[in-house]
Amino acid sequence: MTTIDQTPYGRLENEGRLFNAVLKAPTTDGDRFAYRGDFALKFQEKLADEARPPEFCMEQILTLSSKGDDHIPVMAGYLHNFEYLQDVVDVMGDLLGPDGKYFMFCNNVDLSKTFSVTVDGKSFYVFPCDESSVWKEMLELLRIEKNDVKKMSTVDKTAYVLDAALKFDDTFEEISFEKGVEEMEPVKNRNENRPV
């Protein structure tokens, strides 16, 4: 059975970056390791021993890796602010490979836009995402019917969707990260309109 420390996620786990996990387990065949949850991108300053939530994260992550992989081969996640993509690359560094399939759903990207962007040699497909989930968006993007995966376990569903993601080869307009930042929309206040 593949354990987390035999995969690229081992370092993130040791740094305390993996949290809110809904799945952190080997695949059914035991050859790969799947993760669904959040990655802390920036920690708040710790005061004494108080555990504070991260300042911001990549959320709703779906990812899968084989034992001994140097790079994460496939990953999808949600960023509340497109600009955090630079933090994803800074924090994950060499865990991301030049040929990995990386899907980023961002809240402050124009709803009519989909594009590719390369940051420090790592390429990402970027999609708008507002009031939806990465899971729902990935099913739609990969044309997977809910019924195809309904009866599967969480780990099998995740592997099924990510195996399809590895074969994804659509091409989108390539823009620079700087242009993406320039064109992004204001960051929404998540606490607005919430009952107190």
N, C-alpha and C. Protein backbone atom coordinates (compact mmCIF):
# COMPACT_ATOMS: atom_id res chain seq x y z
N MET A 1 0.84 -1.21 0.00
CA MET A 1 0.00 0.00 0.00
C MET A 1 0.87 1.26 0.00
N THR A 2 0.58 2.17 -0.89
CA THR A 2 1.33 3.43 -0.97
C THR A 2 0.95 4.32 0.21
N THR A 3 1.96 4.86 0.88
CA THR A 3 1.70 5.77 2.00
C THR A 3 2.04 7.19 1.56
N ILE A 4 1.52 8.15 2.28
CA ILE A 4 1.69 9.56 1.89
C ILE A 4 3.15 9.98 1.79
N ASP A 5 3.99 9.43 2.68
CA ASP A 5 5.40 9.85 2.67
C ASP A 5 6.18 9.29 1.47
N GLN A 6 5.55 8.37 0.70
CA GLN A 6 6.21 7.85 -0.51
C GLN A 6 5.80 8.65 -1.74
N THR A 7 5.05 9.73 -1.53
CA THR A 7 4.54 10.55 -2.63
C THR A 7 4.98 12.00 -2.45
N PRO A 8 4.77 12.84 -3.46
CA PRO A 8 5.13 14.26 -3.30
C PRO A 8 4.36 14.97 -2.19
N TYR A 9 3.24 14.38 -1.72
CA TYR A 9 2.46 15.03 -0.67
C TYR A 9 3.13 14.93 0.69
N GLY A 10 4.12 14.07 0.81
CA GLY A 10 4.80 13.86 2.10
C GLY A 10 5.35 15.16 2.67
N ARG A 11 6.01 15.95 1.81
CA ARG A 11 6.57 17.22 2.29
C ARG A 11 5.47 18.17 2.76
N LEU A 12 4.37 18.24 2.00
CA LEU A 12 3.27 19.14 2.37
C LEU A 12 2.65 18.70 3.70
N GLU A 13 2.58 17.40 3.90
CA GLU A 13 2.04 16.85 5.15
C GLU A 13 2.96 17.23 6.31
N ASN A 14 4.28 17.07 6.11
CA ASN A 14 5.25 17.40 7.17
C ASN A 14 5.24 18.88 7.52
N GLU A 15 4.94 19.72 6.53
CA GLU A 15 4.89 21.17 6.78
C GLU A 15 3.55 21.61 7.37
N GLY A 16 2.64 20.64 7.57
CA GLY A 16 1.33 20.95 8.16
C GLY A 16 0.41 21.70 7.20
N ARG A 17 0.62 21.48 5.90
CA ARG A 17 -0.17 22.22 4.90
C ARG A 17 -1.45 21.50 4.48
N LEU A 18 -1.57 20.21 4.77
CA LEU A 18 -2.76 19.47 4.35
C LEU A 18 -3.79 19.47 5.47
N PHE A 19 -4.96 20.00 5.19
CA PHE A 19 -5.99 19.99 6.24
C PHE A 19 -7.38 20.00 5.60
N ASN A 20 -8.40 19.83 6.45
CA ASN A 20 -9.79 19.68 5.97
C ASN A 20 -9.91 18.53 4.97
N ALA A 21 -9.15 17.48 5.18
CA ALA A 21 -9.15 16.37 4.21
C ALA A 21 -10.46 15.58 4.27
N VAL A 22 -11.06 15.37 3.10
CA VAL A 22 -12.20 14.47 3.01
C VAL A 22 -11.72 13.11 2.52
N LEU A 23 -10.50 13.11 1.97
CA LEU A 23 -9.88 11.86 1.52
C LEU A 23 -8.37 12.02 1.59
N LYS A 24 -7.73 11.07 2.25
CA LYS A 24 -6.26 11.04 2.33
C LYS A 24 -5.93 9.57 2.48
N ALA A 25 -5.85 8.86 1.32
CA ALA A 25 -5.76 7.40 1.39
C ALA A 25 -5.20 6.80 0.11
N PRO A 26 -4.66 5.57 0.23
CA PRO A 26 -4.22 4.89 -0.99
C PRO A 26 -5.43 4.52 -1.86
N THR A 27 -5.19 4.40 -3.16
CA THR A 27 -6.26 3.96 -4.06
C THR A 27 -6.56 2.49 -3.77
N THR A 28 -7.67 2.01 -4.29
CA THR A 28 -8.12 0.64 -4.01
C THR A 28 -7.05 -0.40 -4.36
N ASP A 29 -6.33 -0.17 -5.47
CA ASP A 29 -5.28 -1.13 -5.86
C ASP A 29 -4.00 -0.96 -5.03
N GLY A 30 -3.96 0.12 -4.22
CA GLY A 30 -2.81 0.34 -3.34
C GLY A 30 -1.61 0.97 -4.02
N ASP A 31 -1.68 1.17 -5.36
CA ASP A 31 -0.52 1.67 -6.10
C ASP A 31 -0.33 3.19 -6.01
N ARG A 32 -1.43 3.90 -5.80
CA ARG A 32 -1.35 5.36 -5.80
C ARG A 32 -1.96 5.92 -4.51
N PHE A 33 -1.79 7.22 -4.33
CA PHE A 33 -2.31 7.86 -3.13
C PHE A 33 -3.16 9.05 -3.57
N ALA A 34 -4.36 9.15 -3.03
CA ALA A 34 -5.30 10.21 -3.41
C ALA A 34 -5.53 11.16 -2.25
N TYR A 35 -5.73 12.43 -2.60
CA TYR A 35 -6.00 13.44 -1.57
C TYR A 35 -7.10 14.37 -2.06
N ARG A 36 -8.06 14.62 -1.16
CA ARG A 36 -9.08 15.65 -1.39
C ARG A 36 -9.16 16.48 -0.13
N GLY A 37 -8.98 17.78 -0.27
CA GLY A 37 -9.00 18.66 0.90
C GLY A 37 -8.40 20.00 0.53
N ASP A 38 -7.76 20.66 1.49
CA ASP A 38 -7.17 21.97 1.26
C ASP A 38 -5.65 21.92 1.47
N PHE A 39 -4.94 22.89 0.84
CA PHE A 39 -3.50 23.10 1.07
C PHE A 39 -3.37 24.51 1.63
N ALA A 40 -2.68 24.66 2.75
CA ALA A 40 -2.40 26.00 3.26
C ALA A 40 -1.32 26.63 2.39
N LEU A 41 -1.58 27.82 1.89
CA LEU A 41 -0.57 28.52 1.09
C LEU A 41 0.19 29.54 1.94
N LYS A 42 -0.54 30.19 2.88
CA LYS A 42 0.13 31.14 3.77
C LYS A 42 -0.43 30.97 5.18
N PHE A 43 0.47 30.76 6.12
CA PHE A 43 0.07 30.59 7.51
C PHE A 43 -0.03 31.94 8.20
N GLN A 44 -0.94 32.03 9.17
CA GLN A 44 -0.98 33.21 10.03
C GLN A 44 0.14 33.08 11.05
N GLU A 45 0.56 34.19 11.58
CA GLU A 45 1.59 34.17 12.61
C GLU A 45 1.04 33.44 13.83
N LYS A 46 1.84 32.54 14.38
CA LYS A 46 1.39 31.79 15.56
C LYS A 46 1.65 32.58 16.82
N LEU A 47 0.66 32.64 17.69
CA LEU A 47 0.85 33.29 18.99
C LEU A 47 0.80 32.19 20.04
N ALA A 48 1.90 32.03 20.78
CA ALA A 48 2.04 30.93 21.76
C ALA A 48 1.75 29.61 21.06
N ASP A 49 0.90 28.74 21.67
CA ASP A 49 0.65 27.45 21.00
C ASP A 49 -0.70 27.46 20.29
N GLU A 50 -1.27 28.63 20.08
CA GLU A 50 -2.60 28.67 19.49
C GLU A 50 -2.52 28.27 18.02
N ALA A 51 -3.37 27.33 17.63
CA ALA A 51 -3.41 26.91 16.22
C ALA A 51 -4.39 27.82 15.49
N ARG A 52 -3.88 28.60 14.57
CA ARG A 52 -4.75 29.52 13.84
C ARG A 52 -4.96 29.00 12.42
N PRO A 53 -6.12 29.25 11.84
CA PRO A 53 -6.33 28.79 10.47
C PRO A 53 -5.39 29.53 9.51
N PRO A 54 -5.06 28.94 8.37
CA PRO A 54 -4.18 29.62 7.42
C PRO A 54 -4.80 30.93 6.94
N GLU A 55 -3.92 31.84 6.52
CA GLU A 55 -4.40 33.13 6.00
C GLU A 55 -5.15 32.89 4.68
N PHE A 56 -4.58 32.04 3.82
CA PHE A 56 -5.31 31.63 2.62
C PHE A 56 -4.79 30.30 2.11
N CYS A 57 -5.62 29.62 1.31
CA CYS A 57 -5.32 28.25 0.87
C CYS A 57 -5.76 28.03 -0.56
N MET A 58 -5.34 26.89 -1.07
CA MET A 58 -5.95 26.33 -2.26
C MET A 58 -6.95 25.32 -1.69
N GLU A 59 -8.20 25.42 -2.13
CA GLU A 59 -9.26 24.62 -1.53
C GLU A 59 -9.82 23.57 -2.50
N GLN A 60 -10.60 22.64 -1.93
CA GLN A 60 -11.34 21.63 -2.70
C GLN A 60 -10.44 20.85 -3.65
N ILE A 61 -9.22 20.55 -3.20
CA ILE A 61 -8.25 19.91 -4.07
C ILE A 61 -8.62 18.46 -4.37
N LEU A 62 -8.37 18.06 -5.61
CA LEU A 62 -8.44 16.65 -6.03
C LEU A 62 -7.08 16.36 -6.60
N THR A 63 -6.39 15.36 -6.09
CA THR A 63 -5.08 15.04 -6.64
C THR A 63 -4.73 13.58 -6.35
N LEU A 64 -3.81 13.08 -7.13
CA LEU A 64 -3.48 11.65 -7.11
C LEU A 64 -2.03 11.51 -7.54
N SER A 65 -1.30 10.63 -6.89
CA SER A 65 0.11 10.46 -7.23
C SER A 65 0.52 9.02 -7.01
N SER A 66 1.51 8.57 -7.78
CA SER A 66 2.02 7.21 -7.60
C SER A 66 3.20 7.21 -6.64
N LYS A 67 3.45 6.05 -6.06
CA LYS A 67 4.59 5.86 -5.17
C LYS A 67 5.88 6.23 -5.93
N GLY A 68 6.71 7.06 -5.31
CA GLY A 68 7.99 7.40 -5.93
C GLY A 68 7.95 8.51 -6.97
N ASP A 69 6.76 9.07 -7.24
CA ASP A 69 6.68 10.19 -8.19
C ASP A 69 7.48 11.38 -7.66
N ASP A 70 8.23 12.03 -8.54
CA ASP A 70 8.92 13.26 -8.14
C ASP A 70 7.97 14.44 -8.19
N HIS A 71 7.04 14.37 -9.17
CA HIS A 71 6.10 15.48 -9.37
C HIS A 71 4.68 14.99 -9.19
N ILE A 72 3.81 15.90 -8.82
CA ILE A 72 2.37 15.60 -8.77
C ILE A 72 1.88 15.59 -10.22
N PRO A 73 1.34 14.46 -10.70
CA PRO A 73 0.97 14.39 -12.11
C PRO A 73 -0.32 15.13 -12.46
N VAL A 74 -1.25 15.20 -11.50
CA VAL A 74 -2.56 15.81 -11.80
C VAL A 74 -3.13 16.43 -10.52
N MET A 75 -3.74 17.61 -10.69
CA MET A 75 -4.31 18.29 -9.53
C MET A 75 -5.34 19.31 -10.00
N ALA A 76 -6.43 19.39 -9.27
CA ALA A 76 -7.43 20.43 -9.52
C ALA A 76 -7.69 21.10 -8.17
N GLY A 77 -7.95 22.41 -8.20
CA GLY A 77 -8.20 23.11 -6.95
C GLY A 77 -8.87 24.45 -7.18
N TYR A 78 -9.32 25.05 -6.09
CA TYR A 78 -10.02 26.33 -6.13
C TYR A 78 -9.18 27.39 -5.45
N LEU A 79 -9.06 28.56 -6.10
CA LEU A 79 -8.40 29.72 -5.50
C LEU A 79 -9.41 30.86 -5.44
N HIS A 80 -9.53 31.47 -4.29
CA HIS A 80 -10.48 32.59 -4.16
C HIS A 80 -9.96 33.80 -4.92
N ASN A 81 -8.65 33.85 -5.12
CA ASN A 81 -8.02 34.97 -5.83
C ASN A 81 -7.01 34.40 -6.82
N PHE A 82 -7.17 34.73 -8.11
CA PHE A 82 -6.26 34.23 -9.15
C PHE A 82 -4.79 34.51 -8.81
N GLU A 83 -4.53 35.64 -8.16
CA GLU A 83 -3.16 36.03 -7.84
C GLU A 83 -2.44 35.01 -6.94
N TYR A 84 -3.23 34.21 -6.19
CA TYR A 84 -2.63 33.19 -5.31
C TYR A 84 -1.92 32.10 -6.11
N LEU A 85 -2.11 32.08 -7.42
CA LEU A 85 -1.44 31.06 -8.24
C LEU A 85 0.07 31.14 -8.09
N GLN A 86 0.58 32.37 -7.93
CA GLN A 86 2.03 32.52 -7.71
C GLN A 86 2.43 31.83 -6.39
N ASP A 87 1.58 31.94 -5.37
CA ASP A 87 1.87 31.29 -4.08
C ASP A 87 1.84 29.77 -4.22
N VAL A 88 0.91 29.26 -5.05
CA VAL A 88 0.84 27.81 -5.29
C VAL A 88 2.19 27.33 -5.82
N VAL A 89 2.72 28.05 -6.81
CA VAL A 89 3.99 27.67 -7.42
C VAL A 89 5.15 27.86 -6.43
N ASP A 90 5.12 28.95 -5.67
CA ASP A 90 6.20 29.20 -4.70
C ASP A 90 6.23 28.13 -3.61
N VAL A 91 5.04 27.76 -3.09
CA VAL A 91 4.96 26.80 -1.99
C VAL A 91 5.23 25.37 -2.47
N MET A 92 4.66 25.01 -3.62
CA MET A 92 4.79 23.63 -4.08
C MET A 92 6.09 23.39 -4.83
N GLY A 93 6.61 24.45 -5.45
CA GLY A 93 7.91 24.38 -6.11
C GLY A 93 8.09 23.18 -7.01
N ASP A 94 9.13 22.40 -6.74
CA ASP A 94 9.47 21.28 -7.61
C ASP A 94 8.52 20.08 -7.47
N LEU A 95 7.48 20.21 -6.63
CA LEU A 95 6.47 19.13 -6.57
C LEU A 95 5.58 19.20 -7.80
N LEU A 96 5.58 20.36 -8.48
CA LEU A 96 4.83 20.52 -9.72
C LEU A 96 5.78 20.28 -10.89
N GLY A 97 5.34 19.48 -11.85
CA GLY A 97 6.21 19.17 -12.99
C GLY A 97 5.83 19.96 -14.22
N PRO A 98 6.75 20.10 -15.18
CA PRO A 98 6.47 20.86 -16.40
C PRO A 98 5.40 20.20 -17.27
N ASP A 99 5.18 18.88 -17.06
CA ASP A 99 4.18 18.19 -17.89
C ASP A 99 2.96 17.74 -17.08
N GLY A 100 2.80 18.27 -15.86
CA GLY A 100 1.64 17.92 -15.05
C GLY A 100 0.36 18.54 -15.59
N LYS A 101 -0.78 17.91 -15.27
CA LYS A 101 -2.08 18.48 -15.67
C LYS A 101 -2.66 19.17 -14.44
N TYR A 102 -2.68 20.49 -14.47
CA TYR A 102 -3.11 21.27 -13.31
C TYR A 102 -4.29 22.18 -13.70
N PHE A 103 -5.39 22.03 -12.96
CA PHE A 103 -6.63 22.76 -13.25
C PHE A 103 -6.93 23.69 -12.08
N MET A 104 -7.02 24.99 -12.36
CA MET A 104 -7.29 25.95 -11.30
C MET A 104 -8.61 26.65 -11.56
N PHE A 105 -9.49 26.60 -10.57
CA PHE A 105 -10.79 27.27 -10.66
C PHE A 105 -10.71 28.49 -9.76
N CYS A 106 -10.90 29.67 -10.37
CA CYS A 106 -10.69 30.92 -9.61
C CYS A 106 -11.96 31.74 -9.53
N ASN A 107 -12.19 32.30 -8.36
CA ASN A 107 -13.42 33.05 -8.12
C ASN A 107 -13.44 34.40 -8.82
N ASN A 108 -12.27 35.02 -8.98
CA ASN A 108 -12.28 36.39 -9.52
C ASN A 108 -11.79 36.46 -10.97
N VAL A 109 -12.10 35.40 -11.74
CA VAL A 109 -11.81 35.39 -13.18
C VAL A 109 -13.13 35.60 -13.90
N ASP A 110 -13.12 36.42 -14.93
CA ASP A 110 -14.32 36.70 -15.74
C ASP A 110 -15.00 35.39 -16.11
N LEU A 111 -16.31 35.31 -15.85
CA LEU A 111 -17.07 34.07 -16.08
C LEU A 111 -17.07 33.60 -17.53
N SER A 112 -16.72 34.49 -18.46
CA SER A 112 -16.72 34.08 -19.86
C SER A 112 -15.33 33.64 -20.32
N LYS A 113 -14.35 33.64 -19.41
CA LYS A 113 -12.97 33.36 -19.81
C LYS A 113 -12.44 32.04 -19.28
N THR A 114 -11.68 31.37 -20.15
CA THR A 114 -10.92 30.18 -19.79
C THR A 114 -9.60 30.34 -20.51
N PHE A 115 -8.49 30.11 -19.82
CA PHE A 115 -7.20 30.30 -20.49
C PHE A 115 -6.13 29.41 -19.85
N SER A 116 -4.95 29.41 -20.47
CA SER A 116 -3.79 28.70 -19.90
C SER A 116 -2.80 29.75 -19.46
N VAL A 117 -2.07 29.44 -18.41
CA VAL A 117 -1.05 30.36 -17.94
C VAL A 117 0.14 29.54 -17.43
N THR A 118 1.34 30.03 -17.68
CA THR A 118 2.54 29.33 -17.20
C THR A 118 3.23 30.23 -16.18
N VAL A 119 3.49 29.66 -15.01
CA VAL A 119 4.18 30.39 -13.94
C VAL A 119 5.43 29.60 -13.58
N ASP A 120 6.59 30.20 -13.76
CA ASP A 120 7.87 29.54 -13.46
C ASP A 120 7.97 28.15 -14.09
N GLY A 121 7.56 28.05 -15.34
CA GLY A 121 7.67 26.77 -16.07
C GLY A 121 6.57 25.76 -15.78
N LYS A 122 5.61 26.11 -14.91
CA LYS A 122 4.50 25.19 -14.60
C LYS A 122 3.23 25.72 -15.27
N SER A 123 2.55 24.86 -16.04
CA SER A 123 1.37 25.29 -16.79
C SER A 123 0.08 24.94 -16.08
N PHE A 124 -0.88 25.84 -16.16
CA PHE A 124 -2.18 25.65 -15.52
C PHE A 124 -3.30 25.98 -16.50
N TYR A 125 -4.36 25.18 -16.44
CA TYR A 125 -5.61 25.56 -17.10
C TYR A 125 -6.35 26.39 -16.06
N VAL A 126 -6.86 27.56 -16.46
CA VAL A 126 -7.56 28.42 -15.50
C VAL A 126 -9.01 28.60 -15.93
N PHE A 127 -9.92 28.38 -14.98
CA PHE A 127 -11.35 28.46 -15.24
C PHE A 127 -12.01 29.37 -14.20
N PRO A 128 -13.09 30.06 -14.60
CA PRO A 128 -13.85 30.82 -13.60
C PRO A 128 -14.66 29.86 -12.74
N CYS A 129 -14.91 30.23 -11.51
CA CYS A 129 -15.73 29.37 -10.64
C CYS A 129 -16.42 30.25 -9.60
N ASP A 130 -17.73 30.32 -9.69
CA ASP A 130 -18.48 31.10 -8.73
C ASP A 130 -19.71 30.29 -8.33
N GLU A 131 -19.88 30.06 -7.05
CA GLU A 131 -21.03 29.31 -6.54
C GLU A 131 -21.15 27.92 -7.16
N SER A 132 -20.02 27.28 -7.34
CA SER A 132 -20.00 25.89 -7.81
C SER A 132 -18.89 25.21 -7.03
N SER A 133 -18.57 23.97 -7.39
CA SER A 133 -17.48 23.28 -6.70
C SER A 133 -16.51 22.72 -7.72
N VAL A 134 -15.29 22.49 -7.31
CA VAL A 134 -14.28 21.92 -8.20
C VAL A 134 -14.77 20.56 -8.71
N TRP A 135 -15.36 19.77 -7.81
CA TRP A 135 -15.84 18.44 -8.19
C TRP A 135 -16.86 18.54 -9.33
N LYS A 136 -17.86 19.40 -9.13
CA LYS A 136 -18.92 19.57 -10.14
C LYS A 136 -18.34 20.07 -11.46
N GLU A 137 -17.43 21.05 -11.35
CA GLU A 137 -16.82 21.64 -12.55
C GLU A 137 -15.96 20.62 -13.30
N MET A 138 -15.24 19.78 -12.56
CA MET A 138 -14.40 18.76 -13.22
C MET A 138 -15.26 17.72 -13.93
N LEU A 139 -16.37 17.31 -13.31
CA LEU A 139 -17.27 16.34 -13.97
C LEU A 139 -17.77 16.93 -15.29
N GLU A 140 -18.15 18.20 -15.24
CA GLU A 140 -18.67 18.86 -16.44
C GLU A 140 -17.59 19.00 -17.50
N LEU A 141 -16.43 19.45 -17.09
CA LEU A 141 -15.30 19.66 -18.01
C LEU A 141 -14.92 18.35 -18.72
N LEU A 142 -14.91 17.26 -17.96
CA LEU A 142 -14.47 15.97 -18.50
C LEU A 142 -15.63 15.15 -19.07
N ARG A 143 -16.83 15.77 -19.07
CA ARG A 143 -18.05 15.13 -19.60
C ARG A 143 -18.31 13.77 -18.94
N ILE A 144 -18.23 13.77 -17.61
CA ILE A 144 -18.52 12.56 -16.84
C ILE A 144 -19.90 12.73 -16.23
N GLU A 145 -20.75 11.77 -16.46
CA GLU A 145 -22.10 11.81 -15.89
C GLU A 145 -22.03 11.44 -14.41
N LYS A 146 -22.83 12.13 -13.59
CA LYS A 146 -22.85 11.81 -12.15
C LYS A 146 -23.13 10.33 -11.91
N ASN A 147 -24.02 9.77 -12.72
CA ASN A 147 -24.39 8.36 -12.54
C ASN A 147 -23.24 7.40 -12.80
N ASP A 148 -22.25 7.84 -13.60
CA ASP A 148 -21.09 6.99 -13.88
C ASP A 148 -20.29 6.71 -12.62
N VAL A 149 -20.32 7.65 -11.69
CA VAL A 149 -19.48 7.52 -10.49
C VAL A 149 -20.28 7.37 -9.20
N LYS A 150 -21.62 7.47 -9.32
CA LYS A 150 -22.49 7.51 -8.14
C LYS A 150 -22.26 6.38 -7.14
N LYS A 151 -22.11 5.15 -7.65
CA LYS A 151 -22.03 4.00 -6.74
C LYS A 151 -20.60 3.68 -6.29
N MET A 152 -19.63 4.47 -6.76
CA MET A 152 -18.23 4.19 -6.40
C MET A 152 -17.91 4.76 -5.02
N SER A 153 -16.85 4.23 -4.41
CA SER A 153 -16.37 4.79 -3.14
C SER A 153 -15.70 6.14 -3.44
N THR A 154 -15.47 6.94 -2.40
CA THR A 154 -14.84 8.26 -2.59
C THR A 154 -13.49 8.13 -3.29
N VAL A 155 -12.68 7.16 -2.88
CA VAL A 155 -11.35 7.02 -3.48
C VAL A 155 -11.45 6.57 -4.94
N ASP A 156 -12.39 5.67 -5.25
CA ASP A 156 -12.54 5.21 -6.64
C ASP A 156 -13.07 6.32 -7.54
N LYS A 157 -14.02 7.10 -7.01
CA LYS A 157 -14.56 8.25 -7.77
C LYS A 157 -13.42 9.20 -8.12
N THR A 158 -12.62 9.51 -7.10
CA THR A 158 -11.53 10.47 -7.28
C THR A 158 -10.54 9.97 -8.33
N ALA A 159 -10.17 8.69 -8.23
CA ALA A 159 -9.23 8.10 -9.20
C ALA A 159 -9.82 8.12 -10.61
N TYR A 160 -11.10 7.82 -10.73
CA TYR A 160 -11.78 7.78 -12.03
C TYR A 160 -11.74 9.16 -12.70
N VAL A 161 -12.08 10.19 -11.93
CA VAL A 161 -12.12 11.56 -12.47
C VAL A 161 -10.70 12.03 -12.82
N LEU A 162 -9.73 11.74 -11.95
CA LEU A 162 -8.38 12.21 -12.21
C LEU A 162 -7.70 11.44 -13.34
N ASP A 163 -8.06 10.18 -13.53
CA ASP A 163 -7.53 9.44 -14.69
C ASP A 163 -8.04 10.08 -15.98
N ALA A 164 -9.30 10.51 -15.96
CA ALA A 164 -9.85 11.20 -17.14
C ALA A 164 -9.15 12.56 -17.32
N ALA A 165 -8.84 13.23 -16.21
CA ALA A 165 -8.16 14.54 -16.27
C ALA A 165 -6.76 14.41 -16.88
N LEU A 166 -6.09 13.29 -16.62
CA LEU A 166 -4.75 13.07 -17.19
C LEU A 166 -4.78 13.00 -18.71
N LYS A 167 -5.94 12.63 -19.26
CA LYS A 167 -6.07 12.51 -20.73
C LYS A 167 -6.58 13.80 -21.35
N PHE A 168 -6.91 14.79 -20.52
CA PHE A 168 -7.47 16.05 -21.03
C PHE A 168 -6.41 16.75 -21.88
N ASP A 169 -6.78 17.16 -23.10
CA ASP A 169 -5.77 17.82 -23.93
C ASP A 169 -6.33 18.98 -24.74
N ASP A 170 -7.40 19.60 -24.24
CA ASP A 170 -7.92 20.79 -24.93
C ASP A 170 -6.88 21.90 -24.83
N THR A 171 -6.90 22.80 -25.79
CA THR A 171 -5.98 23.94 -25.69
C THR A 171 -6.80 25.22 -25.57
N PHE A 172 -6.30 26.14 -24.76
CA PHE A 172 -6.95 27.42 -24.54
C PHE A 172 -5.94 28.51 -24.84
N GLU A 173 -6.45 29.73 -24.95
CA GLU A 173 -5.55 30.86 -25.19
C GLU A 173 -4.53 30.92 -24.06
N GLU A 174 -3.27 31.08 -24.43
CA GLU A 174 -2.19 31.18 -23.44
C GLU A 174 -1.98 32.66 -23.13
N ILE A 175 -2.10 33.04 -21.86
CA ILE A 175 -1.82 34.44 -21.51
C ILE A 175 -0.74 34.46 -20.43
N SER A 176 -0.14 35.62 -20.21
CA SER A 176 0.88 35.70 -19.15
C SER A 176 0.18 35.83 -17.80
N PHE A 177 0.89 35.44 -16.75
CA PHE A 177 0.35 35.57 -15.39
C PHE A 177 0.04 37.05 -15.11
N GLU A 178 0.93 37.93 -15.57
CA GLU A 178 0.75 39.37 -15.34
C GLU A 178 -0.55 39.87 -15.99
N LYS A 179 -0.83 39.36 -17.21
CA LYS A 179 -2.06 39.78 -17.89
C LYS A 179 -3.28 39.26 -17.12
N GLY A 180 -3.18 38.02 -16.61
CA GLY A 180 -4.26 37.45 -15.81
C GLY A 180 -4.55 38.30 -14.58
N VAL A 181 -3.49 38.77 -13.92
CA VAL A 181 -3.63 39.60 -12.72
C VAL A 181 -4.27 40.95 -13.10
N GLU A 182 -3.82 41.50 -14.22
CA GLU A 182 -4.34 42.78 -14.70
C GLU A 182 -5.85 42.71 -15.01
N GLU A 183 -6.26 41.57 -15.58
CA GLU A 183 -7.65 41.43 -16.02
C GLU A 183 -8.58 40.82 -14.96
N MET A 184 -8.02 40.34 -13.85
CA MET A 184 -8.87 39.68 -12.87
C MET A 184 -9.84 40.67 -12.23
N GLU A 185 -10.92 40.13 -11.72
CA GLU A 185 -11.96 40.97 -11.12
C GLU A 185 -11.65 41.19 -9.64
N PRO A 186 -12.35 42.13 -9.00
CA PRO A 186 -12.09 42.34 -7.56
C PRO A 186 -12.34 41.06 -6.77
N VAL A 187 -11.58 40.88 -5.70
CA VAL A 187 -11.75 39.70 -4.85
C VAL A 187 -12.99 39.91 -3.99
N LYS A 188 -13.89 38.92 -4.03
CA LYS A 188 -15.14 39.05 -3.26
C LYS A 188 -14.90 38.84 -1.78
N ASN A 189 -15.65 39.58 -0.98
CA ASN A 189 -15.60 39.39 0.47
C ASN A 189 -16.50 38.19 0.80
N ARG A 190 -15.88 37.12 1.28
CA ARG A 190 -16.65 35.91 1.56
C ARG A 190 -17.66 36.07 2.69
N ASN A 191 -17.44 37.05 3.56
CA ASN A 191 -18.33 37.19 4.71
C ASN A 191 -19.51 38.12 4.44
N GLU A 192 -19.53 38.70 3.25
CA GLU A 192 -20.62 39.60 2.89
C GLU A 192 -21.94 38.81 2.83
N ASN A 193 -23.00 39.42 3.25
CA ASN A 193 -24.34 38.81 3.21
C ASN A 193 -24.47 37.54 4.06
N ARG A 194 -23.52 37.32 4.94
CA ARG A 194 -23.65 36.14 5.82
C ARG A 194 -24.41 36.56 7.06
N PRO A 195 -25.35 35.73 7.53
CA PRO A 195 -26.02 36.10 8.78
C PRO A 195 -25.04 36.16 9.93
N VAL A 196 -25.22 37.11 10.81
CA VAL A 196 -24.28 37.26 11.94
C VAL A 196 -24.78 36.43 13.12
